[in-house]
Amino acid sequence: MHDVTPVIQPFRLATAPDQPVGLAAGTLDGAVALPLVECLTLEHGRCFVDHRLTQTTVGSGLRPVRREPLTSPWPGTRVIQHDRGSDLTVTVDLWHPTSATLHGRTTVHNDGKLPVHLTAVSIMCASLLSVAELADLDILIAPSAWMAEQRWTHHRLSDLLVDVGTELHGESPRDRFVLSSESGWSSGRWEPVGFITDPASGRAVGWQIEHNGGWTVELARRSSTLGLCLFGPTDLQHHWMHQLNPGETFTTPAVTLVVSDNSWQGAAAELSTYRRVLRGNNGTAAPIVFNDYMNTLMADPTAERLSTLIPAAARTGAEVYCIDAGWHSDDTDGWDDVGRWEPSPRRFPGGLRHTLALTVAYGMTPGLWLEPLAVGLRSPLVNDLPPEAFMRRAGVPIVEQNRVRLDMRNPQARAHLDTVIDLMVSYGIGYLKIDDNFSVGSGPDEDADSPGDGLLGHCRAWAASRADLPRRHPG
C-alpha cells in the first residue's frame, strides 16, 4: 500500500515497502513521485547503460526504514532508507523554513564491510508539475561569467529535452539537460538558481543550490514525468570520487526548493522570503553598500580620490563605504604580490586609518575588499608558508594569474588567514567584501580521494572559516 504523505503543501513524499521513497514538488495528490535519492558508486553504477545521473542501482534499491520528525532549525522530516545490495543507509533531512519551501541534504552511511567509492550523491530529487504539458513548460535559467552575471533567459522544455514517444514503446529518452558549476567558482558559469513554470496553471518550482563549490542540476524526462535532480560535485562534472570506508558517512551540500502558484515571479518572491528567514536567523539586516570598484576607481584607489568619493557616497544614503581592490599594493597592477594585505603607503601617505576615519565621520561604516585565498608569486608569503598550505595537484602548486591559492584544509593556511582578517579589523573596518575570483581546475589531490574531493574539503573548510568570523569579531 502506498503512503502519499505531505511534507508540507505542495511537496509530497510517497512511500511503499517495495519501492524507494519518492518526492513530488508542485504536483496534485497521487502524482508520480520519483525517487528522492540517486547514488552512483564505482561498485554499482546505473541500472542500464546511460550518461544521466538518475536510475542508479543504489537509488533503485533503496527501501524505507523509518521516518523521524525534525524540529531544528525548522520543522521537518528525516527519511531513512537502506539498500541491501550496497549495504548503504541513506538519510535525507527535509525542513520547511517557510510554507512554500523545502530545504534538504543527504547523508550516506556505509554499513558494510568493504569500502564503497561514491561518484555522485544527489542532494534531492523530485518529480515536478504533474498534469502539465511537458513540452510547454518554461525554464528560466541564467548563464553567468565574470562581469557578465545574471543573464536570465527563458527556454521551452521541448527545446531542451526530446519527446521520443514513450507511450508507444515504453522507453524513456536517455536525454538530459545539465547545468553545472566549474572548479570552485559556484556561479562562474551558471547561477545556482532556476525556475520551471507551467504557463497553463501558473504553478512554478524554483531551486537554489547552497554550496560554494561544485554542483550539478539535471533535468530529464521519465515517460510523461519531468524529473529534477540536484547534486553537489560529481565524477562526470567535477572529477569527484570519495571512498566511503565501513562505518563512515558522507553528507552532501544543501539545496532549497520553492513552489508558487504565481509563476516564476511568485517563486522568486518565495525564494527571497526564505533568504530573509536565513538572514533573520543571523540577527542582521543587509546594509546599503557603496563599493568603489565598478565604473569608479577600478582597483586604483588613493586617499585623495577617496576624499571626494566618500562624501558623495554619504549623500546618496550609503551606510557602508567599501574600498575595493588596489588598497594593498603600490603597483597599479598588483595582482601577483597579494597575500600580506597591508595598506599601500603610496596610496595612503597619511595612513589607511585616516581614510577609514573619514568614512566614519560621514556616518558610514568603513569596509575593505579582500581576496583572501590568493597569494601572488611575488609575495614573500609564498616562502613563509609551507608548500602544503597551498593547493597542489600531482605535487605541483596550482598557479593562475601568477598566483597560488590557499588550501583551507591546512591549519597553517587557516591560521594565516585569521591573522590577516584580525589585522584588517584592527584598522577599524566593520565590513568585509570577500572575492574568490580563481579557478583551480578540478582541485587539489593531496590528502584526498580525487581532485574534486580535495576541492570539496577545501570549500567546506573555507565556508566554516567565514561562518566563524562573526564569533571572533562580533558586529
Protein backbone atom coordinates (compact mmCIF):
# COMPACT_ATOMS: atom_id res chain seq x y z
CA MET A 1 0.00 0.00 0.00
CA HIS A 2 1.29 3.42 -0.95
CA ASP A 3 1.56 6.15 1.64
CA VAL A 4 1.41 9.55 -0.04
CA THR A 5 2.19 11.98 2.75
CA PRO A 6 2.59 15.75 2.52
CA VAL A 7 5.89 17.00 3.86
CA ILE A 8 4.30 20.39 3.51
CA GLN A 9 2.00 21.55 0.78
CA PRO A 10 2.84 21.44 -2.09
CA PHE A 11 5.60 18.84 -1.54
CA ARG A 12 4.66 15.18 -1.19
CA LEU A 13 6.51 12.05 -0.14
CA ALA A 14 5.35 8.69 -1.46
CA THR A 15 6.32 5.57 0.49
CA ALA A 16 5.81 1.89 -0.32
CA PRO A 17 7.70 -1.00 1.31
CA ASP A 18 8.95 -2.39 -2.01
CA GLN A 19 9.99 0.89 -3.65
CA PRO A 20 12.31 3.83 -2.96
CA VAL A 21 10.74 6.79 -1.20
CA GLY A 22 9.67 9.34 -3.80
CA LEU A 23 9.24 13.12 -3.75
CA ALA A 24 6.93 15.26 -5.88
CA ALA A 25 7.03 19.06 -5.99
CA GLY A 26 4.29 21.34 -7.26
CA THR A 27 2.02 18.40 -8.03
CA LEU A 28 -1.51 17.15 -7.30
CA ASP A 29 -2.44 14.27 -4.96
CA GLY A 30 -1.41 10.85 -6.20
CA ALA A 31 1.04 12.19 -8.76
CA VAL A 32 4.12 10.22 -9.70
CA ALA A 33 6.88 10.78 -7.15
CA LEU A 34 10.33 9.97 -8.50
CA PRO A 35 12.99 8.53 -6.16
CA LEU A 36 14.14 11.04 -3.59
CA VAL A 37 17.75 9.78 -3.75
CA GLU A 38 20.14 8.83 -6.54
CA CYS A 39 23.58 7.45 -5.70
CA LEU A 40 26.31 6.39 -8.12
CA THR A 41 29.23 4.25 -6.98
CA LEU A 42 32.07 2.55 -8.84
CA GLU A 43 30.86 -0.78 -7.46
CA HIS A 44 27.20 -0.46 -8.51
CA GLY A 45 26.73 2.19 -11.20
CA ARG A 46 23.43 2.54 -13.08
CA CYS A 47 20.63 0.11 -13.77
CA PHE A 48 21.42 0.31 -17.51
CA VAL A 49 23.94 1.98 -19.80
CA ASP A 50 23.35 5.74 -19.67
CA HIS A 51 25.10 9.02 -19.03
CA ARG A 52 22.44 10.52 -16.80
CA LEU A 53 22.84 10.66 -13.04
CA THR A 54 19.46 9.01 -12.46
CA GLN A 55 18.11 5.45 -12.35
CA THR A 56 21.12 4.39 -10.33
CA THR A 57 21.40 0.86 -8.91
CA VAL A 58 21.71 2.10 -5.32
CA GLY A 59 18.90 4.62 -5.73
CA SER A 60 16.60 1.99 -7.20
CA GLY A 61 17.48 -0.47 -4.44
CA LEU A 62 16.71 1.82 -1.52
CA ARG A 63 13.81 0.76 0.70
CA PRO A 64 12.21 2.78 3.50
CA VAL A 65 13.36 2.06 7.05
CA ARG A 66 11.61 4.79 9.04
CA ARG A 67 10.79 8.47 9.30
CA GLU A 68 11.56 10.79 12.17
CA PRO A 69 10.33 14.32 12.91
CA LEU A 70 12.79 17.20 12.84
CA THR A 71 12.37 20.30 14.96
CA SER A 72 15.59 22.29 14.40
CA PRO A 73 16.42 24.64 12.79
CA TRP A 74 12.87 24.33 11.35
CA PRO A 75 10.10 21.72 11.43
CA GLY A 76 10.72 18.85 9.06
CA THR A 77 11.07 15.14 8.36
CA ARG A 78 14.02 12.74 8.34
CA VAL A 79 13.70 9.93 5.79
CA ILE A 80 15.91 6.87 6.34
CA GLN A 81 16.35 4.19 3.66
CA HIS A 82 18.65 1.21 3.16
CA ASP A 83 19.96 -0.59 0.08
CA ARG A 84 20.77 -4.25 0.77
CA GLY A 85 22.86 -4.61 -2.40
CA SER A 86 25.42 -1.99 -1.40
CA ASP A 87 24.80 -2.06 2.36
CA LEU A 88 24.42 1.72 2.30
CA THR A 89 21.98 3.56 4.56
CA VAL A 90 20.82 6.91 3.18
CA THR A 91 19.28 9.63 5.34
CA VAL A 92 17.59 12.69 3.85
CA ASP A 93 16.77 15.61 6.15
CA LEU A 94 13.92 17.77 4.82
CA TRP A 95 12.96 21.04 6.54
CA HIS A 96 10.34 23.64 5.72
CA PRO A 97 11.68 27.09 6.67
CA THR A 98 8.53 28.65 5.17
CA SER A 99 5.23 27.22 3.94
CA ALA A 100 6.41 27.21 0.32
CA THR A 101 9.98 25.97 0.71
CA LEU A 102 11.70 22.63 1.21
CA HIS A 103 15.32 22.65 2.35
CA GLY A 104 17.34 19.46 2.47
CA ARG A 105 20.55 17.47 2.35
CA THR A 106 21.50 13.79 2.13
CA THR A 107 23.85 11.65 4.23
CA VAL A 108 25.20 8.24 3.17
CA HIS A 109 26.48 5.71 5.74
CA ASN A 110 28.45 2.59 4.87
CA ASP A 111 27.05 -0.29 6.94
CA GLY A 112 29.08 -2.89 5.06
CA LYS A 113 32.48 -4.48 5.47
CA LEU A 114 34.08 -3.10 2.30
CA PRO A 115 34.78 0.44 1.05
CA VAL A 116 32.32 1.97 -1.39
CA HIS A 117 33.50 4.58 -3.89
CA LEU A 118 30.93 7.34 -4.30
CA THR A 119 30.92 9.21 -7.63
CA ALA A 120 27.60 11.11 -7.35
CA VAL A 121 25.17 11.54 -4.45
CA SER A 122 22.02 13.55 -5.01
CA ILE A 123 21.11 16.25 -2.53
CA MET A 124 17.45 15.95 -3.50
CA CYS A 125 15.46 14.56 -6.45
CA ALA A 126 11.81 15.17 -7.29
CA SER A 127 9.18 14.90 -9.99
CA LEU A 128 7.76 18.27 -10.97
CA LEU A 129 4.46 19.83 -12.03
CA SER A 130 2.34 16.77 -12.72
CA VAL A 131 -0.52 17.07 -15.22
CA ALA A 132 1.35 19.86 -17.04
CA GLU A 133 2.13 19.58 -20.75
CA LEU A 134 5.87 18.96 -20.55
CA ALA A 135 6.63 20.44 -23.96
CA ASP A 136 5.13 23.77 -22.89
CA LEU A 137 6.99 24.15 -19.59
CA ASP A 138 9.07 27.31 -19.33
CA ILE A 139 12.62 27.01 -17.98
CA LEU A 140 14.23 30.19 -16.62
CA ILE A 141 17.99 29.96 -16.10
CA ALA A 142 20.92 32.38 -16.06
CA PRO A 143 24.29 31.96 -17.78
CA SER A 144 26.95 33.72 -15.78
CA ALA A 145 30.53 34.86 -16.19
CA TRP A 146 32.88 37.36 -14.60
CA MET A 147 31.44 40.84 -15.38
CA ALA A 148 28.59 39.14 -17.27
CA GLU A 149 26.39 37.76 -14.49
CA GLN A 150 22.65 37.14 -14.21
CA ARG A 151 21.75 36.81 -17.91
CA TRP A 152 18.31 35.32 -17.30
CA THR A 153 16.79 33.57 -20.31
CA HIS A 154 13.56 31.62 -20.97
CA HIS A 155 13.51 28.25 -22.77
CA ARG A 156 10.71 25.85 -23.69
CA LEU A 157 11.33 22.40 -22.28
CA SER A 158 10.73 20.91 -25.73
CA ASP A 159 13.80 22.83 -26.95
CA LEU A 160 15.95 21.26 -24.23
CA LEU A 161 14.62 17.68 -23.91
CA VAL A 162 13.32 15.47 -26.71
CA ASP A 163 10.00 13.61 -26.63
CA VAL A 164 10.57 10.17 -28.19
CA GLY A 165 7.01 8.91 -27.87
CA THR A 166 7.49 6.86 -24.72
CA GLU A 167 3.83 5.78 -24.70
CA LEU A 168 4.38 3.77 -27.90
CA HIS A 169 7.45 1.74 -26.93
CA GLY A 170 7.88 2.17 -23.17
CA GLU A 171 11.41 3.56 -23.33
CA SER A 172 12.23 6.89 -21.71
CA PRO A 173 14.68 9.07 -23.65
CA ARG A 174 18.15 8.99 -22.18
CA ASP A 175 18.33 12.68 -22.86
CA ARG A 176 19.06 15.21 -20.16
CA PHE A 177 19.64 18.91 -19.70
CA VAL A 178 22.50 19.70 -17.35
CA LEU A 179 23.69 22.84 -15.59
CA SER A 180 26.86 22.70 -13.54
CA SER A 181 29.49 24.86 -11.93
CA GLU A 182 33.16 24.69 -12.73
CA SER A 183 36.03 24.47 -10.27
CA GLY A 184 35.42 26.40 -7.04
CA TRP A 185 33.56 29.25 -8.72
CA SER A 186 29.98 28.29 -7.91
CA SER A 187 28.37 30.99 -10.08
CA GLY A 188 31.12 31.31 -12.69
CA ARG A 189 29.23 29.50 -15.45
CA TRP A 190 25.56 29.38 -14.36
CA GLU A 191 23.67 30.91 -11.49
CA PRO A 192 22.93 28.12 -8.97
CA VAL A 193 19.25 29.08 -9.17
CA GLY A 194 16.49 28.30 -11.68
CA PHE A 195 12.72 28.18 -12.18
CA ILE A 196 10.32 25.90 -14.08
CA THR A 197 6.81 27.21 -14.83
CA ASP A 198 3.64 25.66 -16.22
CA PRO A 199 2.15 28.52 -18.29
CA ALA A 200 -1.33 26.94 -18.23
CA SER A 201 -1.69 26.87 -14.44
CA GLY A 202 0.91 29.44 -13.39
CA ARG A 203 2.44 26.96 -10.97
CA ALA A 204 6.22 27.18 -10.73
CA VAL A 205 9.04 25.36 -8.97
CA GLY A 206 12.38 27.02 -8.21
CA TRP A 207 15.65 25.67 -6.88
CA GLN A 208 18.71 27.10 -5.15
CA ILE A 209 21.95 25.17 -4.60
CA GLU A 210 23.66 26.30 -1.40
CA HIS A 211 27.29 25.42 -1.90
CA ASN A 212 30.47 27.39 -2.63
CA GLY A 213 31.95 24.70 -4.89
CA GLY A 214 30.97 22.10 -7.47
CA TRP A 215 27.29 21.39 -8.16
CA THR A 216 25.14 19.82 -10.88
CA VAL A 217 21.48 20.21 -11.85
CA GLU A 218 19.95 17.55 -14.09
CA LEU A 219 16.54 17.72 -15.79
CA ALA A 220 15.31 14.58 -17.52
CA ARG A 221 12.04 13.10 -18.79
CA ARG A 222 10.79 9.85 -17.26
CA SER A 223 7.91 8.79 -19.54
CA SER A 224 5.40 11.62 -19.06
CA THR A 225 7.08 12.87 -15.87
CA LEU A 226 9.73 15.55 -15.51
CA GLY A 227 12.46 14.80 -13.01
CA LEU A 228 14.78 17.29 -11.31
CA CYS A 229 17.92 16.03 -9.57
CA LEU A 230 20.24 18.33 -7.64
CA PHE A 231 23.80 17.33 -6.77
CA GLY A 232 26.95 18.72 -5.25
CA PRO A 233 30.15 17.70 -7.06
CA THR A 234 30.08 14.62 -9.31
CA ASP A 235 32.66 12.49 -11.07
CA LEU A 236 31.35 13.40 -14.53
CA GLN A 237 31.38 17.15 -13.97
CA HIS A 238 33.99 17.72 -11.27
CA HIS A 239 36.29 14.66 -11.08
CA TRP A 240 34.80 13.92 -7.66
CA MET A 241 35.12 10.47 -6.11
CA HIS A 242 35.02 9.76 -2.39
CA GLN A 243 35.98 6.47 -0.76
CA LEU A 244 33.46 5.69 1.95
CA ASN A 245 35.01 3.18 4.31
CA PRO A 246 32.99 0.88 6.60
CA GLY A 247 31.35 2.89 9.36
CA GLU A 248 31.96 6.25 7.65
CA THR A 249 29.43 8.82 6.46
CA PHE A 250 29.33 11.41 3.71
CA THR A 251 26.96 14.39 3.68
CA THR A 252 26.08 16.45 0.63
CA PRO A 253 25.76 20.23 0.45
CA ALA A 254 22.24 21.67 0.86
CA VAL A 255 19.53 22.82 -1.56
CA THR A 256 16.17 24.54 -1.29
CA LEU A 257 13.07 24.08 -3.47
CA VAL A 258 10.28 26.64 -3.65
CA VAL A 259 6.79 26.39 -5.17
CA SER A 260 4.35 29.12 -6.14
CA ASP A 261 1.03 29.42 -7.99
CA ASN A 262 2.09 32.86 -9.26
CA SER A 263 4.55 31.87 -11.99
CA TRP A 264 8.30 32.29 -11.69
CA GLN A 265 7.87 35.76 -10.20
CA GLY A 266 5.99 34.22 -7.29
CA ALA A 267 8.64 31.52 -6.88
CA ALA A 268 11.36 34.18 -6.88
CA ALA A 269 9.44 36.06 -4.19
CA GLU A 270 9.19 32.89 -2.10
CA LEU A 271 12.92 32.37 -2.51
CA SER A 272 13.53 35.95 -1.34
CA THR A 273 11.33 35.31 1.70
CA TYR A 274 13.37 32.22 2.51
CA ARG A 275 16.64 34.14 2.18
CA ARG A 276 15.32 36.76 4.57
CA VAL A 277 14.49 34.00 7.03
CA LEU A 278 18.13 32.94 6.85
CA ARG A 279 19.34 36.50 7.45
CA GLY A 280 16.85 36.83 10.31
CA ASN A 281 18.46 33.82 11.94
CA ASN A 282 21.72 35.77 11.88
CA GLY A 283 20.04 38.71 13.56
CA THR A 284 21.30 41.19 10.97
CA ALA A 285 19.87 43.23 8.12
CA ALA A 286 21.79 43.88 4.94
CA PRO A 287 23.15 47.46 4.77
CA ILE A 288 23.28 49.72 1.71
CA VAL A 289 26.86 49.43 0.47
CA PHE A 290 28.76 51.69 -1.91
CA ASN A 291 31.67 49.82 -3.46
CA ASP A 292 34.21 51.87 -5.38
CA TYR A 293 35.37 49.31 -7.95
CA MET A 294 32.97 49.12 -10.90
CA ASN A 295 32.76 52.27 -13.03
CA THR A 296 34.64 54.38 -10.48
CA LEU A 297 38.16 53.64 -9.20
CA MET A 298 38.62 50.24 -10.90
CA ALA A 299 41.22 48.96 -8.39
CA ASP A 300 43.16 52.23 -8.26
CA PRO A 301 42.13 53.97 -5.00
CA THR A 302 44.10 56.75 -3.34
CA ALA A 303 43.45 58.83 -0.26
CA GLU A 304 42.91 61.90 -2.47
CA ARG A 305 40.30 60.22 -4.67
CA LEU A 306 38.52 58.74 -1.68
CA SER A 307 38.30 62.11 -0.01
CA THR A 308 35.91 63.09 -2.83
CA LEU A 309 34.03 59.81 -3.21
CA ILE A 310 33.31 59.20 0.48
CA PRO A 311 31.26 62.41 0.99
CA ALA A 312 29.43 61.77 -2.29
CA ALA A 313 28.52 58.24 -1.24
CA ALA A 314 27.25 59.51 2.10
CA ARG A 315 24.97 62.00 0.31
CA THR A 316 23.37 59.15 -1.65
CA GLY A 317 22.37 57.37 1.57
CA ALA A 318 25.04 54.65 1.63
CA GLU A 319 25.50 53.03 5.03
CA VAL A 320 28.81 51.31 4.20
CA TYR A 321 31.67 52.61 2.08
CA CYS A 322 33.85 49.75 0.84
CA ILE A 323 37.32 50.41 -0.60
CA ASP A 324 37.83 47.76 -3.25
CA ALA A 325 40.98 46.27 -4.79
CA GLY A 326 44.25 48.17 -5.00
CA TRP A 327 44.48 49.50 -1.45
CA HIS A 328 47.07 46.81 -0.65
CA SER A 329 49.60 47.41 -3.43
CA ASP A 330 51.90 50.25 -4.51
CA ASP A 331 51.65 48.99 -8.10
CA THR A 332 48.77 49.79 -10.41
CA ASP A 333 48.54 46.10 -11.30
CA GLY A 334 49.43 44.35 -8.07
CA TRP A 335 47.61 41.06 -8.55
CA ASP A 336 50.77 38.97 -8.24
CA ASP A 337 52.02 40.43 -4.94
CA VAL A 338 48.89 39.92 -2.83
CA GLY A 339 48.97 37.84 0.33
CA ARG A 340 50.02 40.03 3.25
CA TRP A 341 47.19 42.54 2.74
CA GLU A 342 48.91 45.57 4.24
CA PRO A 343 47.96 49.14 3.18
CA SER A 344 49.97 50.79 0.43
CA PRO A 345 51.95 53.81 1.75
CA ARG A 346 52.00 55.29 -1.76
CA ARG A 347 48.21 55.29 -1.96
CA PHE A 348 47.68 56.33 1.66
CA PRO A 349 50.62 58.52 2.68
CA GLY A 350 48.76 59.59 5.83
CA GLY A 351 47.84 56.01 6.65
CA LEU A 352 44.75 53.97 5.76
CA ARG A 353 43.28 54.63 9.20
CA HIS A 354 42.93 58.32 8.31
CA THR A 355 40.73 57.48 5.31
CA LEU A 356 38.68 54.98 7.29
CA ALA A 357 38.15 57.64 9.98
CA LEU A 358 36.87 59.98 7.26
CA THR A 359 34.28 57.34 6.36
CA VAL A 360 33.12 57.19 9.99
CA ALA A 361 32.98 60.97 10.15
CA TYR A 362 30.46 60.91 7.31
CA GLY A 363 28.26 58.45 9.19
CA MET A 364 29.20 55.30 7.29
CA THR A 365 30.80 52.00 8.26
CA PRO A 366 34.21 51.57 6.59
CA GLY A 367 34.82 48.41 4.60
CA LEU A 368 37.66 46.79 2.68
CA TRP A 369 37.87 44.35 -0.20
CA LEU A 370 39.82 41.12 0.21
CA GLU A 371 40.60 38.14 -2.00
CA PRO A 372 41.90 36.10 0.91
CA LEU A 373 42.72 32.82 -0.78
CA ALA A 374 45.02 34.35 -3.41
CA VAL A 375 48.77 34.64 -2.81
CA GLY A 376 50.90 36.25 -5.53
CA LEU A 377 54.10 34.62 -6.67
CA ARG A 378 55.94 37.90 -5.85
CA SER A 379 54.64 37.85 -2.30
CA PRO A 380 57.09 36.80 0.45
CA LEU A 381 54.25 34.68 1.80
CA VAL A 382 54.94 32.07 -0.88
CA ASN A 383 58.10 31.14 1.00
CA ASP A 384 56.85 31.96 4.51
CA LEU A 385 54.11 29.34 4.45
CA PRO A 386 54.82 25.61 3.95
CA PRO A 387 54.09 24.13 0.49
CA GLU A 388 51.13 22.15 1.83
CA ALA A 389 49.36 25.40 2.75
CA PHE A 390 48.71 25.92 -0.98
CA MET A 391 46.60 23.87 -3.35
CA ARG A 392 48.70 21.30 -5.20
CA ARG A 393 47.99 18.65 -7.77
CA ALA A 394 50.45 15.92 -8.72
CA GLY A 395 52.78 17.58 -6.22
CA VAL A 396 52.80 20.86 -8.18
CA PRO A 397 51.33 24.15 -6.92
CA ILE A 398 48.27 25.20 -8.95
CA VAL A 399 49.09 28.60 -10.47
CA GLU A 400 46.63 31.07 -12.04
CA GLN A 401 47.36 34.71 -12.96
CA ASN A 402 50.77 34.36 -11.29
CA ARG A 403 49.06 33.46 -8.05
CA VAL A 404 48.70 30.32 -5.93
CA ARG A 405 45.74 29.59 -3.71
CA LEU A 406 45.48 28.78 -0.03
CA ASP A 407 44.17 25.31 0.77
CA MET A 408 41.84 25.88 3.71
CA ARG A 409 42.08 22.24 4.77
CA ASN A 410 45.56 23.15 6.01
CA PRO A 411 45.73 24.57 9.59
CA GLN A 412 48.58 26.93 8.74
CA ALA A 413 46.63 28.39 5.84
CA ARG A 414 43.66 28.95 8.14
CA ALA A 415 45.85 30.48 10.85
CA HIS A 416 47.41 32.88 8.33
CA LEU A 417 44.01 33.99 7.09
CA ASP A 418 42.76 34.54 10.65
CA THR A 419 45.80 36.76 11.26
CA VAL A 420 45.11 38.76 8.09
CA ILE A 421 41.49 39.39 8.98
CA ASP A 422 42.35 40.23 12.58
CA LEU A 423 44.78 42.84 11.23
CA MET A 424 42.16 44.31 8.88
CA VAL A 425 39.63 44.54 11.68
CA SER A 426 42.24 46.33 13.76
CA TYR A 427 42.29 49.06 11.10
CA GLY A 428 38.74 49.85 12.15
CA ILE A 429 36.65 48.26 9.41
CA GLY A 430 33.15 46.96 10.06
CA TYR A 431 32.51 45.41 6.65
CA LEU A 432 34.47 42.91 4.60
CA LYS A 433 33.91 42.28 0.90
CA ILE A 434 35.28 38.87 0.00
CA ASP A 435 36.11 37.88 -3.58
CA ASP A 436 37.02 34.42 -4.77
CA ASN A 437 37.80 35.00 -8.46
CA PHE A 438 40.00 31.99 -9.02
CA SER A 439 39.96 28.76 -10.98
CA VAL A 440 41.89 25.77 -9.71
CA GLY A 441 40.58 23.29 -12.26
CA SER A 442 39.27 20.13 -10.65
CA GLY A 443 41.03 20.90 -7.37
CA PRO A 444 43.91 19.65 -5.23
CA ASP A 445 44.55 15.91 -4.99
CA GLU A 446 46.72 15.92 -1.87
CA ASP A 447 45.15 14.10 1.11
CA ALA A 448 42.03 13.38 -0.94
CA ASP A 449 40.50 10.51 -2.89
CA SER A 450 40.22 12.71 -6.00
CA PRO A 451 40.78 16.34 -7.03
CA GLY A 452 37.06 17.05 -6.68
CA ASP A 453 37.13 15.53 -3.20
CA GLY A 454 40.04 17.76 -2.21
CA LEU A 455 38.20 20.81 -3.54
CA LEU A 456 35.05 19.86 -1.63
CA GLY A 457 37.05 19.57 1.59
CA HIS A 458 38.60 22.97 0.94
CA CYS A 459 35.21 24.58 0.17
CA ARG A 460 33.75 23.27 3.40
CA ALA A 461 36.71 24.45 5.47
CA TRP A 462 36.53 27.86 3.76
CA ALA A 463 32.80 28.17 4.46
CA ALA A 464 33.34 27.18 8.09
CA SER A 465 36.05 29.82 8.42
CA ARG A 466 33.74 32.55 7.13
CA ALA A 467 30.91 31.36 9.37
CA ASP A 468 33.29 31.68 12.33
CA LEU A 469 34.05 35.35 11.60
CA PRO A 470 31.05 36.81 13.50
CA ARG A 471 32.04 34.80 16.56
CA ARG A 472 35.63 36.07 16.50
CA HIS A 473 34.60 39.60 15.55
CA PRO A 474 31.04 40.35 16.71
CA GLY A 475 29.42 43.06 14.62
